[in-house]
Structure formats: C-alpha cells, structure tokens
C-alpha cells in the first residue's frame, strides 16, 4: 500500500512540474517542422485545385455576361443579361433541359434500384459471388467512349440487338433504327447508361450492407421476421446514409450526360437527345460562342444546385 502511494505521489509531482525550457523549445521546433512539411505536401494539390477548378469557374461566371467568342480579333464586351434572355427564348435550350430531366428522372431510380438488387444478390454467402462481382464490374472499368462505340454498332438497324430480337420473335419483329428514331433514341441511351454504371453503385450498396451488424438479422430471425420485414426494418434503415450518397452521385452523373450523346447521336435526331452539357460544349467549341456557352453552364450550375438542395432536404435526418 505504501508503495502505491509513493508511486502516485511521484507521478503527480512529475505532472505538476513544468517541462524544462529546452524540452519545450524542442517540441515547438518539431511541431513547426511537421506543419511546414504538411504545407509543402498539400501545396501541389491546392495549386492544381485553384488552377483547374476555381479559376475556370470564376471565368465562366464572368464570361456569361459577355459576348466573348473563342476565336475572334474583337475582344469580348459586357452585354448584361442578353445571353440569358436569348437562352430562355431558344427552343433548343428548352429541349436540352427537358431531355436532361427526362434522362435523370428515369435513370436515377432505375439504376439505384438495380444496383441495390445486385448488391443484395452478391452479398449472399454462396459460391461464385466473387466471379459475379467481377463480371458485373467489368463495364465500369471500360472507357465510356469505347462502350458507346460498341453500343452504337449494336443499336444499328442490322446490329446485334435487332438480330437477337428478330430471332426471339421468329421473324415477326420489325427492326428499329434505335439511335435515329426520335422515340427510341433517348431510351436506348438510358438503357446503355444504366448497364454501364449500375455496378459502380452496386459496390457502394455492398459496402453499406456489410456495415450492418449480423446480430440485428439474428435478432429479427428469433422474432420471426420474414425476409421482406428484415429488409424493411433492418437493412433499409442501415442503408439510409448510403442511399443519400448514391442518390446524389447518380443525379450529378445523370445531369452531366455528355459522352454517350457526343459519340452515339450528336444530339439528334431532331434534338431529342441534346442535353444541357452537350449544348454548352457544342455552343462553345463548334459555334465558338464562349460567352453564350458560359451562360448555359451557369444555368446548369443553378439547376444542379437546386436539385441537390431538394434531395438534401428530402433525405435529411428527421428527429
């Protein structure tokens, strides 16, 4: 007992005693060195972030109020809200907004739902799940340009899809020129986009599923819960944060639809697949109207901001 008191007293004395000044100076120097090293290590990322993100955004906001052209001997001049007034009376712009929302409204829930279904299937403890995870993920690691080129050939009137449908219908099926039909062009791009991106979100759902404690499932089985009740009261509440992340990422990806349109349809036929991002790029680089393209980008930024705010409000944590 005497030994413990002696030890405690010595420990309290050592805590109460301030460190020697040389020790404090050494620690302070080491701390400054660590901060300096951290600043040097992070500085390249900050420079690149400012150079390739902040400055282009600021320039786009400024150019949106000018008539700047990409190649012109005449410098751009301030035109106020003329670019926005022109956009709001342009039928092609409204068609691109309509097509963008059409794509997002269909792709976001369908892709998220299929991804969740695949995640539930590959999360089961059966043989061969690693093989199926790899197979499902292959389209994600393939370039979207390559995927779009392959599907453009498959969607041709004499392509693979029409041949398969013709064989399954025993010759009663009339081939469709998918990408040149105003009715079928956008659904064809939606189908390909869902197929290409579903595995990426499957992996995110899978990560969320594996964070749910197994004890909750065991307790629900003891209580006699069915599979559907387990999903409704155990799985889905455990995936709430994952669902918010997936909803936001799919929505942003859907609104920024560009590559598939540029490779497969060029916005046609009859502007039925033109999207806001594709119109901004076409206006800026093909028509050389940098100021007008910047105005389209600014409107697109506001649209995405509003949609993200609504999503955030609807998926917020309720007490």
C-alpha atoms as a PDB file:
ATOM      1  CA  UNK A   1       0.000   0.000   0.000  1.00  0.00           C
ATOM      2  CA  UNK A   2       2.860   2.306   0.875  1.00  0.00           C
ATOM      3  CA  UNK A   3       4.456   1.537  -2.471  1.00  0.00           C
ATOM      4  CA  UNK A   4       1.326   2.659  -4.438  1.00  0.00           C
ATOM      5  CA  UNK A   5       1.062   5.945  -2.558  1.00  0.00           C
ATOM      6  CA  UNK A   6       4.722   6.630  -3.191  1.00  0.00           C
ATOM      7  CA  UNK A   7       4.296   5.943  -6.908  1.00  0.00           C
ATOM      8  CA  UNK A   8       1.160   8.132  -7.161  1.00  0.00           C
ATOM      9  CA  UNK A   9       2.853  10.949  -5.333  1.00  0.00           C
ATOM     10  CA  UNK A  10       5.848  10.781  -7.621  1.00  0.00           C
ATOM     11  CA  UNK A  11       3.554  10.707 -10.711  1.00  0.00           C
ATOM     12  CA  UNK A  12       1.553  13.719  -9.505  1.00  0.00           C
ATOM     13  CA  UNK A  13       4.761  15.563  -8.834  1.00  0.00           C
ATOM     14  CA  UNK A  14       6.054  14.822 -12.320  1.00  0.00           C
ATOM     15  CA  UNK A  15       2.774  16.081 -13.869  1.00  0.00           C
ATOM     16  CA  UNK A  16       2.699  19.256 -11.817  1.00  0.00           C
ATOM     17  CA  UNK A  17       6.290  20.020 -12.623  1.00  0.00           C
ATOM     18  CA  UNK A  18       6.545  22.106 -15.829  1.00  0.00           C
ATOM     19  CA  UNK A  19       8.880  20.730 -18.521  1.00  0.00           C
ATOM     20  CA  UNK A  20      12.297  22.211 -18.832  1.00  0.00           C
ATOM     21  CA  UNK A  21      12.519  25.162 -21.287  1.00  0.00           C
ATOM     22  CA  UNK A  22      14.878  23.295 -23.670  1.00  0.00           C
ATOM     23  CA  UNK A  23      12.336  20.454 -23.954  1.00  0.00           C
ATOM     24  CA  UNK A  24       9.525  22.917 -24.781  1.00  0.00           C
ATOM     25  CA  UNK A  25      11.641  24.572 -27.457  1.00  0.00           C
ATOM     26  CA  UNK A  26      12.471  21.193 -28.988  1.00  0.00           C
ATOM     27  CA  UNK A  27       8.781  20.207 -29.154  1.00  0.00           C
ATOM     28  CA  UNK A  28       7.832  23.561 -30.639  1.00  0.00           C
ATOM     29  CA  UNK A  29      10.513  23.207 -33.326  1.00  0.00           C
ATOM     30  CA  UNK A  30       9.324  19.691 -34.173  1.00  0.00           C
ATOM     31  CA  UNK A  31       5.721  20.891 -34.405  1.00  0.00           C
ATOM     32  CA  UNK A  32       6.706  23.742 -36.745  1.00  0.00           C
ATOM     33  CA  UNK A  33       8.650  21.267 -38.867  1.00  0.00           C
ATOM     34  CA  UNK A  34       5.666  18.954 -39.148  1.00  0.00           C
ATOM     35  CA  UNK A  35       3.384  21.840 -40.122  1.00  0.00           C
ATOM     36  CA  UNK A  36       5.860  23.044 -42.713  1.00  0.00           C
ATOM     37  CA  UNK A  37       6.180  19.550 -44.230  1.00  0.00           C
ATOM     38  CA  UNK A  38       2.395  19.194 -44.329  1.00  0.00           C
ATOM     39  CA  UNK A  39       2.062  22.568 -46.074  1.00  0.00           C
ATOM     40  CA  UNK A  40       4.639  21.590 -48.713  1.00  0.00           C
ATOM     41  CA  UNK A  41       2.949  18.245 -49.309  1.00  0.00           C
ATOM     42  CA  UNK A  42      -0.527  19.711 -49.763  1.00  0.00           C
ATOM     43  CA  UNK A  43       0.530  22.758 -51.793  1.00  0.00           C
ATOM     44  CA  UNK A  44       0.621  20.978 -55.231  1.00  0.00           C
ATOM     45  CA  UNK A  45      -2.958  19.793 -54.737  1.00  0.00           C
ATOM     46  CA  UNK A  46      -4.083  23.291 -53.727  1.00  0.00           C
ATOM     47  CA  UNK A  47      -2.359  24.868 -56.747  1.00  0.00           C
ATOM     48  CA  UNK A  48      -3.947  22.367 -59.146  1.00  0.00           C
ATOM     49  CA  UNK A  49      -7.335  22.804 -57.458  1.00  0.00           C
ATOM     50  CA  UNK A  50      -7.195  26.575 -57.910  1.00  0.00           C
ATOM     51  CA  UNK A  51      -5.761  26.358 -61.438  1.00  0.00           C
ATOM     52  CA  UNK A  52      -8.149  23.807 -62.911  1.00  0.00           C
ATOM     53  CA  UNK A  53     -11.316  24.327 -60.856  1.00  0.00           C
ATOM     54  CA  UNK A  54     -11.628  27.658 -59.089  1.00  0.00           C
ATOM     55  CA  UNK A  55     -10.236  29.852 -61.895  1.00  0.00           C
ATOM     56  CA  UNK A  56     -12.347  28.225 -64.685  1.00  0.00           C
ATOM     57  CA  UNK A  57     -15.489  28.565 -62.559  1.00  0.00           C
ATOM     58  CA  UNK A  58     -14.808  32.247 -61.885  1.00  0.00           C
ATOM     59  CA  UNK A  59     -14.010  32.848 -65.579  1.00  0.00           C
ATOM     60  CA  UNK A  60     -17.214  31.074 -66.665  1.00  0.00           C
ATOM     61  CA  UNK A  61     -19.275  33.220 -64.312  1.00  0.00           C
ATOM     62  CA  UNK A  62     -17.680  36.352 -65.739  1.00  0.00           C
ATOM     63  CA  UNK A  63     -17.858  35.328 -69.416  1.00  0.00           C
ATOM     64  CA  UNK A  64     -21.569  34.520 -69.083  1.00  0.00           C
ATOM     65  CA  UNK A  65     -22.270  38.268 -69.131  1.00  0.00           C
ATOM     66  CA  UNK A  66     -20.158  38.995 -72.232  1.00  0.00           C
ATOM     67  CA  UNK A  67     -20.295  38.253 -75.976  1.00  0.00           C
ATOM     68  CA  UNK A  68     -16.823  36.669 -75.997  1.00  0.00           C
ATOM     69  CA  UNK A  69     -16.065  34.325 -78.893  1.00  0.00           C
ATOM     70  CA  UNK A  70     -13.457  31.557 -78.821  1.00  0.00           C
ATOM     71  CA  UNK A  71     -11.580  32.841 -81.901  1.00  0.00           C
ATOM     72  CA  UNK A  72     -12.189  36.475 -82.690  1.00  0.00           C
ATOM     73  CA  UNK A  73      -9.979  39.548 -83.229  1.00  0.00           C
ATOM     74  CA  UNK A  74     -12.533  41.619 -81.333  1.00  0.00           C
ATOM     75  CA  UNK A  75     -12.358  41.410 -77.535  1.00  0.00           C
ATOM     76  CA  UNK A  76     -15.495  40.443 -75.676  1.00  0.00           C
ATOM     77  CA  UNK A  77     -17.703  43.181 -74.279  1.00  0.00           C
ATOM     78  CA  UNK A  78     -20.194  43.265 -71.432  1.00  0.00           C
ATOM     79  CA  UNK A  79     -23.765  42.516 -72.620  1.00  0.00           C
ATOM     80  CA  UNK A  80     -25.534  42.136 -69.278  1.00  0.00           C
ATOM     81  CA  UNK A  81     -28.299  39.518 -69.302  1.00  0.00           C
ATOM     82  CA  UNK A  82     -28.575  39.270 -73.105  1.00  0.00           C
ATOM     83  CA  UNK A  83     -27.183  35.722 -73.174  1.00  0.00           C
ATOM     84  CA  UNK A  84     -29.760  34.556 -70.639  1.00  0.00           C
ATOM     85  CA  UNK A  85     -32.582  36.341 -72.453  1.00  0.00           C
ATOM     86  CA  UNK A  86     -31.563  34.567 -75.662  1.00  0.00           C
ATOM     87  CA  UNK A  87     -31.391  31.196 -73.913  1.00  0.00           C
ATOM     88  CA  UNK A  88     -34.847  31.457 -72.406  1.00  0.00           C
ATOM     89  CA  UNK A  89     -36.337  32.057 -75.873  1.00  0.00           C
ATOM     90  CA  UNK A  90     -34.284  29.326 -77.576  1.00  0.00           C
ATOM     91  CA  UNK A  91     -36.325  26.127 -78.221  1.00  0.00           C
ATOM     92  CA  UNK A  92     -33.159  24.013 -78.462  1.00  0.00           C
ATOM     93  CA  UNK A  93     -32.143  25.080 -74.951  1.00  0.00           C
ATOM     94  CA  UNK A  94     -35.543  24.134 -73.538  1.00  0.00           C
ATOM     95  CA  UNK A  95     -35.365  20.814 -75.419  1.00  0.00           C
ATOM     96  CA  UNK A  96     -31.964  20.160 -73.829  1.00  0.00           C
ATOM     97  CA  UNK A  97     -33.327  20.970 -70.344  1.00  0.00           C
ATOM     98  CA  UNK A  98     -36.306  18.687 -70.958  1.00  0.00           C
ATOM     99  CA  UNK A  99     -34.081  15.850 -72.209  1.00  0.00           C
ATOM    100  CA  UNK A 100     -31.720  16.218 -69.253  1.00  0.00           C
ATOM    101  CA  UNK A 101     -34.535  15.971 -66.702  1.00  0.00           C
ATOM    102  CA  UNK A 102     -36.117  13.096 -68.653  1.00  0.00           C
ATOM    103  CA  UNK A 103     -32.832  11.186 -68.525  1.00  0.00           C
ATOM    104  CA  UNK A 104     -32.288  11.915 -64.818  1.00  0.00           C
ATOM    105  CA  UNK A 105     -35.848  11.065 -63.723  1.00  0.00           C
ATOM    106  CA  UNK A 106     -35.644   7.631 -65.390  1.00  0.00           C
ATOM    107  CA  UNK A 107     -32.001   6.709 -64.819  1.00  0.00           C
ATOM    108  CA  UNK A 108     -31.599   7.740 -61.153  1.00  0.00           C
ATOM    109  CA  UNK A 109     -34.265   5.462 -59.589  1.00  0.00           C
ATOM    110  CA  UNK A 110     -33.819   2.586 -62.052  1.00  0.00           C
ATOM    111  CA  UNK A 111     -30.036   2.468 -61.752  1.00  0.00           C
ATOM    112  CA  UNK A 112     -30.132   2.817 -57.956  1.00  0.00           C
ATOM    113  CA  UNK A 113     -32.780   0.074 -57.691  1.00  0.00           C
ATOM    114  CA  UNK A 114     -30.924  -2.383 -59.931  1.00  0.00           C
ATOM    115  CA  UNK A 115     -27.680  -1.650 -58.113  1.00  0.00           C
ATOM    116  CA  UNK A 116     -29.328  -2.409 -54.757  1.00  0.00           C
ATOM    117  CA  UNK A 117     -30.807  -5.644 -56.146  1.00  0.00           C
ATOM    118  CA  UNK A 118     -27.408  -6.773 -57.445  1.00  0.00           C
ATOM    119  CA  UNK A 119     -25.761  -5.838 -54.139  1.00  0.00           C
ATOM    120  CA  UNK A 120     -28.276  -7.954 -52.217  1.00  0.00           C
ATOM    121  CA  UNK A 121     -27.619 -10.879 -54.566  1.00  0.00           C
ATOM    122  CA  UNK A 122     -23.826 -10.746 -54.415  1.00  0.00           C
ATOM    123  CA  UNK A 123     -23.926 -10.150 -50.646  1.00  0.00           C
ATOM    124  CA  UNK A 124     -25.379 -13.620 -50.152  1.00  0.00           C
ATOM    125  CA  UNK A 125     -22.916 -16.171 -48.809  1.00  0.00           C
ATOM    126  CA  UNK A 126     -22.962 -18.565 -51.764  1.00  0.00           C
ATOM    127  CA  UNK A 127     -20.240 -19.915 -54.029  1.00  0.00           C
ATOM    128  CA  UNK A 128     -19.224 -17.834 -57.036  1.00  0.00           C
ATOM    129  CA  UNK A 129     -20.110 -14.379 -55.686  1.00  0.00           C
ATOM    130  CA  UNK A 130     -16.605 -13.040 -56.380  1.00  0.00           C
ATOM    131  CA  UNK A 131     -16.912 -14.140 -60.014  1.00  0.00           C
ATOM    132  CA  UNK A 132     -20.245 -12.327 -60.415  1.00  0.00           C
ATOM    133  CA  UNK A 133     -18.882  -9.199 -58.697  1.00  0.00           C
ATOM    134  CA  UNK A 134     -16.025  -9.128 -61.212  1.00  0.00           C
ATOM    135  CA  UNK A 135     -18.299  -9.721 -64.204  1.00  0.00           C
ATOM    136  CA  UNK A 136     -20.757  -7.017 -63.115  1.00  0.00           C
ATOM    137  CA  UNK A 137     -17.914  -4.538 -62.567  1.00  0.00           C
ATOM    138  CA  UNK A 138     -16.259  -5.004 -65.976  1.00  0.00           C
ATOM    139  CA  UNK A 139     -18.333  -2.292 -67.778  1.00  0.00           C
ATOM    140  CA  UNK A 140     -17.348   0.267 -65.117  1.00  0.00           C
ATOM    141  CA  UNK A 141     -13.619  -0.101 -65.783  1.00  0.00           C
ATOM    142  CA  UNK A 142     -14.170   0.172 -69.529  1.00  0.00           C
ATOM    143  CA  UNK A 143     -13.968   3.618 -71.096  1.00  0.00           C
ATOM    144  CA  UNK A 144     -17.353   5.222 -71.750  1.00  0.00           C
ATOM    145  CA  UNK A 145     -16.184   6.171 -75.249  1.00  0.00           C
ATOM    146  CA  UNK A 146     -15.405   2.525 -76.064  1.00  0.00           C
ATOM    147  CA  UNK A 147     -18.685   1.355 -74.543  1.00  0.00           C
ATOM    148  CA  UNK A 148     -20.632   3.980 -76.505  1.00  0.00           C
ATOM    149  CA  UNK A 149     -18.951   2.956 -79.774  1.00  0.00           C
ATOM    150  CA  UNK A 150     -19.757  -0.717 -79.200  1.00  0.00           C
ATOM    151  CA  UNK A 151     -23.399   0.001 -78.352  1.00  0.00           C
ATOM    152  CA  UNK A 152     -23.714   2.313 -81.365  1.00  0.00           C
ATOM    153  CA  UNK A 153     -22.865  -0.642 -83.602  1.00  0.00           C
ATOM    154  CA  UNK A 154     -25.206  -2.907 -81.640  1.00  0.00           C
ATOM    155  CA  UNK A 155     -28.068  -0.385 -81.989  1.00  0.00           C
ATOM    156  CA  UNK A 156     -27.807  -0.197 -85.797  1.00  0.00           C
ATOM    157  CA  UNK A 157     -30.719  -1.473 -87.864  1.00  0.00           C
ATOM    158  CA  UNK A 158     -28.733  -4.580 -88.822  1.00  0.00           C
ATOM    159  CA  UNK A 159     -26.954  -4.706 -85.458  1.00  0.00           C
ATOM    160  CA  UNK A 160     -26.811  -7.409 -82.813  1.00  0.00           C
ATOM    161  CA  UNK A 161     -29.818  -6.234 -80.789  1.00  0.00           C
ATOM    162  CA  UNK A 162     -32.216  -6.277 -83.736  1.00  0.00           C
ATOM    163  CA  UNK A 163     -30.903  -9.673 -84.817  1.00  0.00           C
ATOM    164  CA  UNK A 164     -31.428 -11.135 -81.337  1.00  0.00           C
ATOM    165  CA  UNK A 165     -34.941  -9.671 -81.081  1.00  0.00           C
ATOM    166  CA  UNK A 166     -35.720 -10.975 -84.577  1.00  0.00           C
ATOM    167  CA  UNK A 167     -34.548 -14.471 -83.646  1.00  0.00           C
ATOM    168  CA  UNK A 168     -36.557 -14.461 -80.398  1.00  0.00           C
ATOM    169  CA  UNK A 169     -39.739 -13.317 -82.196  1.00  0.00           C
ATOM    170  CA  UNK A 170     -39.335 -15.875 -85.041  1.00  0.00           C
ATOM    171  CA  UNK A 171     -39.229 -13.164 -87.702  1.00  0.00           C
ATOM    172  CA  UNK A 172     -42.317 -11.178 -86.603  1.00  0.00           C
ATOM    173  CA  UNK A 173     -40.216  -8.340 -85.188  1.00  0.00           C
ATOM    174  CA  UNK A 174     -39.622  -5.272 -87.379  1.00  0.00           C
ATOM    175  CA  UNK A 175     -36.073  -3.936 -86.884  1.00  0.00           C
ATOM    176  CA  UNK A 176     -35.797  -0.474 -85.296  1.00  0.00           C
ATOM    177  CA  UNK A 177     -33.114   2.062 -86.108  1.00  0.00           C
ATOM    178  CA  UNK A 178     -32.718   2.814 -82.412  1.00  0.00           C
ATOM    179  CA  UNK A 179     -30.428   5.839 -82.487  1.00  0.00           C
ATOM    180  CA  UNK A 180     -32.080   7.509 -85.497  1.00  0.00           C
ATOM    181  CA  UNK A 181     -35.634   7.169 -84.216  1.00  0.00           C
ATOM    182  CA  UNK A 182     -36.806  10.239 -82.202  1.00  0.00           C
ATOM    183  CA  UNK A 183     -38.921   7.991 -79.968  1.00  0.00           C
ATOM    184  CA  UNK A 184     -36.297   5.350 -79.196  1.00  0.00           C
ATOM    185  CA  UNK A 185     -33.013   7.300 -79.234  1.00  0.00           C
ATOM    186  CA  UNK A 186     -33.107   8.549 -75.635  1.00  0.00           C
ATOM    187  CA  UNK A 187     -34.449   5.267 -74.129  1.00  0.00           C
ATOM    188  CA  UNK A 188     -31.653   3.425 -75.949  1.00  0.00           C
ATOM    189  CA  UNK A 189     -29.046   5.729 -74.378  1.00  0.00           C
ATOM    190  CA  UNK A 190     -30.722   5.353 -70.974  1.00  0.00           C
ATOM    191  CA  UNK A 191     -30.536   1.550 -71.190  1.00  0.00           C
ATOM    192  CA  UNK A 192     -26.854   1.602 -72.114  1.00  0.00           C
ATOM    193  CA  UNK A 193     -26.032   4.147 -69.373  1.00  0.00           C
ATOM    194  CA  UNK A 194     -27.806   2.095 -66.698  1.00  0.00           C
ATOM    195  CA  UNK A 195     -25.998  -1.067 -67.823  1.00  0.00           C
ATOM    196  CA  UNK A 196     -22.626   0.678 -67.765  1.00  0.00           C
ATOM    197  CA  UNK A 197     -22.905   2.384 -64.370  1.00  0.00           C
ATOM    198  CA  UNK A 198     -25.011   0.012 -62.285  1.00  0.00           C
ATOM    199  CA  UNK A 199     -22.049  -1.998 -60.950  1.00  0.00           C
ATOM    200  CA  UNK A 200     -20.284   1.061 -59.569  1.00  0.00           C
ATOM    201  CA  UNK A 201     -23.240   1.840 -57.333  1.00  0.00           C
ATOM    202  CA  UNK A 202     -23.643  -1.874 -56.562  1.00  0.00           C
ATOM    203  CA  UNK A 203     -20.232  -1.727 -54.874  1.00  0.00           C
ATOM    204  CA  UNK A 204     -21.315   1.267 -52.776  1.00  0.00           C
ATOM    205  CA  UNK A 205     -24.528  -0.504 -51.729  1.00  0.00           C
ATOM    206  CA  UNK A 206     -22.461  -3.601 -50.931  1.00  0.00           C
ATOM    207  CA  UNK A 207     -20.157  -1.596 -48.676  1.00  0.00           C
ATOM    208  CA  UNK A 208     -23.208  -0.265 -46.856  1.00  0.00           C
ATOM    209  CA  UNK A 209     -24.700  -3.744 -46.473  1.00  0.00           C
ATOM    210  CA  UNK A 210     -21.534  -5.091 -44.895  1.00  0.00           C
ATOM    211  CA  UNK A 211     -21.632  -2.427 -42.160  1.00  0.00           C
ATOM    212  CA  UNK A 212     -24.975  -3.705 -40.809  1.00  0.00           C
ATOM    213  CA  UNK A 213     -24.320  -5.888 -37.737  1.00  0.00           C
ATOM    214  CA  UNK A 214     -25.233  -9.563 -38.199  1.00  0.00           C
ATOM    215  CA  UNK A 215     -26.707  -9.572 -34.698  1.00  0.00           C
ATOM    216  CA  UNK A 216     -29.621  -7.479 -35.926  1.00  0.00           C
ATOM    217  CA  UNK A 217     -30.529 -10.138 -38.504  1.00  0.00           C
ATOM    218  CA  UNK A 218     -30.189 -12.883 -35.899  1.00  0.00           C
ATOM    219  CA  UNK A 219     -32.463 -10.988 -33.503  1.00  0.00           C
ATOM    220  CA  UNK A 220     -35.046 -10.416 -36.233  1.00  0.00           C
ATOM    221  CA  UNK A 221     -34.990 -14.137 -37.125  1.00  0.00           C
ATOM    222  CA  UNK A 222     -35.614 -15.014 -33.475  1.00  0.00           C
ATOM    223  CA  UNK A 223     -38.558 -12.596 -33.525  1.00  0.00           C
ATOM    224  CA  UNK A 224     -39.942 -14.416 -36.583  1.00  0.00           C
ATOM    225  CA  UNK A 225     -39.423 -11.627 -39.123  1.00  0.00           C
ATOM    226  CA  UNK A 226     -39.786 -12.546 -42.794  1.00  0.00           C
ATOM    227  CA  UNK A 227     -37.188 -11.637 -45.438  1.00  0.00           C
ATOM    228  CA  UNK A 228     -39.197  -8.629 -46.522  1.00  0.00           C
ATOM    229  CA  UNK A 229     -39.615  -7.455 -42.908  1.00  0.00           C
ATOM    230  CA  UNK A 230     -35.852  -7.874 -42.380  1.00  0.00           C
ATOM    231  CA  UNK A 231     -35.201  -5.680 -45.415  1.00  0.00           C
ATOM    232  CA  UNK A 232     -37.790  -3.105 -44.355  1.00  0.00           C
ATOM    233  CA  UNK A 233     -36.819  -2.777 -40.678  1.00  0.00           C
ATOM    234  CA  UNK A 234     -33.136  -3.811 -40.585  1.00  0.00           C
ATOM    235  CA  UNK A 235     -31.493  -3.468 -43.994  1.00  0.00           C
ATOM    236  CA  UNK A 236     -33.076  -0.279 -45.300  1.00  0.00           C
ATOM    237  CA  UNK A 237     -32.613   1.810 -42.096  1.00  0.00           C
ATOM    238  CA  UNK A 238     -28.968   0.694 -42.079  1.00  0.00           C
ATOM    239  CA  UNK A 239     -28.546   1.890 -45.661  1.00  0.00           C
ATOM    240  CA  UNK A 240     -30.025   5.365 -45.197  1.00  0.00           C
ATOM    241  CA  UNK A 241     -26.700   7.230 -45.372  1.00  0.00           C
ATOM    242  CA  UNK A 242     -25.554   5.058 -48.297  1.00  0.00           C
ATOM    243  CA  UNK A 243     -28.795   5.810 -50.134  1.00  0.00           C
ATOM    244  CA  UNK A 244     -28.214   9.545 -49.776  1.00  0.00           C
ATOM    245  CA  UNK A 245     -24.690   9.223 -51.192  1.00  0.00           C
ATOM    246  CA  UNK A 246     -25.850   7.102 -54.137  1.00  0.00           C
ATOM    247  CA  UNK A 247     -28.784   9.400 -54.882  1.00  0.00           C
ATOM    248  CA  UNK A 248     -26.531  12.449 -55.050  1.00  0.00           C
ATOM    249  CA  UNK A 249     -23.792  10.783 -57.156  1.00  0.00           C
ATOM    250  CA  UNK A 250     -26.213   9.266 -59.683  1.00  0.00           C
ATOM    251  CA  UNK A 251     -28.111  12.533 -60.023  1.00  0.00           C
ATOM    252  CA  UNK A 252     -24.963  14.552 -60.695  1.00  0.00           C
ATOM    253  CA  UNK A 253     -23.756  11.934 -63.202  1.00  0.00           C
ATOM    254  CA  UNK A 254     -27.151  11.923 -64.928  1.00  0.00           C
ATOM    255  CA  UNK A 255     -27.268  15.696 -65.224  1.00  0.00           C
ATOM    256  CA  UNK A 256     -23.758  15.787 -66.690  1.00  0.00           C
ATOM    257  CA  UNK A 257     -24.640  13.399 -69.526  1.00  0.00           C
ATOM    258  CA  UNK A 258     -22.325  14.156 -72.433  1.00  0.00           C
ATOM    259  CA  UNK A 259     -20.069  11.345 -73.695  1.00  0.00           C
ATOM    260  CA  UNK A 260     -22.843   8.993 -74.789  1.00  0.00           C
ATOM    261  CA  UNK A 261     -24.564  11.810 -76.689  1.00  0.00           C
ATOM    262  CA  UNK A 262     -21.378  13.006 -78.388  1.00  0.00           C
ATOM    263  CA  UNK A 263     -20.378   9.508 -79.510  1.00  0.00           C
ATOM    264  CA  UNK A 264     -23.734   7.943 -80.346  1.00  0.00           C
ATOM    265  CA  UNK A 265     -26.158  10.609 -81.629  1.00  0.00           C
ATOM    266  CA  UNK A 266     -24.570  14.088 -81.771  1.00  0.00           C
ATOM    267  CA  UNK A 267     -27.731  15.382 -80.105  1.00  0.00           C
ATOM    268  CA  UNK A 268     -30.050  14.022 -82.779  1.00  0.00           C
ATOM    269  CA  UNK A 269     -32.381  13.033 -84.169  1.00  0.00           C
ATOM    270  CA  UNK A 270     -34.243  16.370 -84.124  1.00  0.00           C
ATOM    271  CA  UNK A 271     -32.517  17.385 -80.868  1.00  0.00           C
ATOM    272  CA  UNK A 272     -34.292  14.598 -78.964  1.00  0.00           C
ATOM    273  CA  UNK A 273     -31.047  13.620 -77.215  1.00  0.00           C
ATOM    274  CA  UNK A 274     -29.463  17.042 -76.802  1.00  0.00           C
ATOM    275  CA  UNK A 275     -28.631  17.720 -73.153  1.00  0.00           C
ATOM    276  CA  UNK A 276     -27.598  20.900 -71.356  1.00  0.00           C
ATOM    277  CA  UNK A 277     -23.941  19.894 -71.068  1.00  0.00           C
ATOM    278  CA  UNK A 278     -23.786  18.761 -74.687  1.00  0.00           C
ATOM    279  CA  UNK A 279     -25.341  22.035 -75.849  1.00  0.00           C
ATOM    280  CA  UNK A 280     -22.855  24.036 -73.774  1.00  0.00           C
ATOM    281  CA  UNK A 281     -19.893  22.190 -75.330  1.00  0.00           C
ATOM    282  CA  UNK A 282     -21.336  22.440 -78.851  1.00  0.00           C
ATOM    283  CA  UNK A 283     -22.034  26.155 -78.431  1.00  0.00           C
ATOM    284  CA  UNK A 284     -18.591  26.861 -77.045  1.00  0.00           C
ATOM    285  CA  UNK A 285     -16.361  24.747 -79.293  1.00  0.00           C
ATOM    286  CA  UNK A 286     -18.317  24.224 -82.528  1.00  0.00           C
ATOM    287  CA  UNK A 287     -20.162  27.543 -82.719  1.00  0.00           C
ATOM    288  CA  UNK A 288     -17.289  29.366 -80.916  1.00  0.00           C
ATOM    289  CA  UNK A 289     -19.738  31.371 -78.729  1.00  0.00           C
ATOM    290  CA  UNK A 290     -17.834  31.206 -75.451  1.00  0.00           C
ATOM    291  CA  UNK A 291     -19.995  33.808 -73.689  1.00  0.00           C
ATOM    292  CA  UNK A 292     -23.242  32.006 -74.532  1.00  0.00           C
ATOM    293  CA  UNK A 293     -21.733  28.632 -73.558  1.00  0.00           C
ATOM    294  CA  UNK A 294     -20.716  30.121 -70.207  1.00  0.00           C
ATOM    295  CA  UNK A 295     -24.301  31.326 -69.684  1.00  0.00           C
ATOM    296  CA  UNK A 296     -25.563  27.773 -70.348  1.00  0.00           C
ATOM    297  CA  UNK A 297     -23.031  26.425 -67.831  1.00  0.00           C
ATOM    298  CA  UNK A 298     -24.173  28.964 -65.249  1.00  0.00           C
ATOM    299  CA  UNK A 299     -27.818  27.958 -65.712  1.00  0.00           C
ATOM    300  CA  UNK A 300     -26.793  24.295 -65.462  1.00  0.00           C
ATOM    301  CA  UNK A 301     -24.934  25.029 -62.213  1.00  0.00           C
ATOM    302  CA  UNK A 302     -28.045  26.653 -60.733  1.00  0.00           C
ATOM    303  CA  UNK A 303     -30.243  23.714 -61.826  1.00  0.00           C
ATOM    304  CA  UNK A 304     -27.931  21.139 -60.229  1.00  0.00           C
ATOM    305  CA  UNK A 305     -27.689  23.262 -57.078  1.00  0.00           C
ATOM    306  CA  UNK A 306     -31.489  23.427 -56.768  1.00  0.00           C
ATOM    307  CA  UNK A 307     -31.953  19.689 -57.368  1.00  0.00           C
ATOM    308  CA  UNK A 308     -29.174  18.802 -54.905  1.00  0.00           C
ATOM    309  CA  UNK A 309     -30.730  21.102 -52.295  1.00  0.00           C
ATOM    310  CA  UNK A 310     -34.140  19.453 -52.744  1.00  0.00           C
ATOM    311  CA  UNK A 311     -32.562  15.992 -52.465  1.00  0.00           C
ATOM    312  CA  UNK A 312     -30.674  17.022 -49.356  1.00  0.00           C
ATOM    313  CA  UNK A 313     -33.873  18.358 -47.792  1.00  0.00           C
ATOM    314  CA  UNK A 314     -35.883  15.227 -48.590  1.00  0.00           C
ATOM    315  CA  UNK A 315     -33.169  12.842 -47.334  1.00  0.00           C
ATOM    316  CA  UNK A 316     -32.259  14.771 -44.182  1.00  0.00           C
ATOM    317  CA  UNK A 317     -32.232  13.053 -40.800  1.00  0.00           C
ATOM    318  CA  UNK A 318     -35.565  13.518 -39.049  1.00  0.00           C
ATOM    319  CA  UNK A 319     -35.680  13.522 -35.257  1.00  0.00           C
END
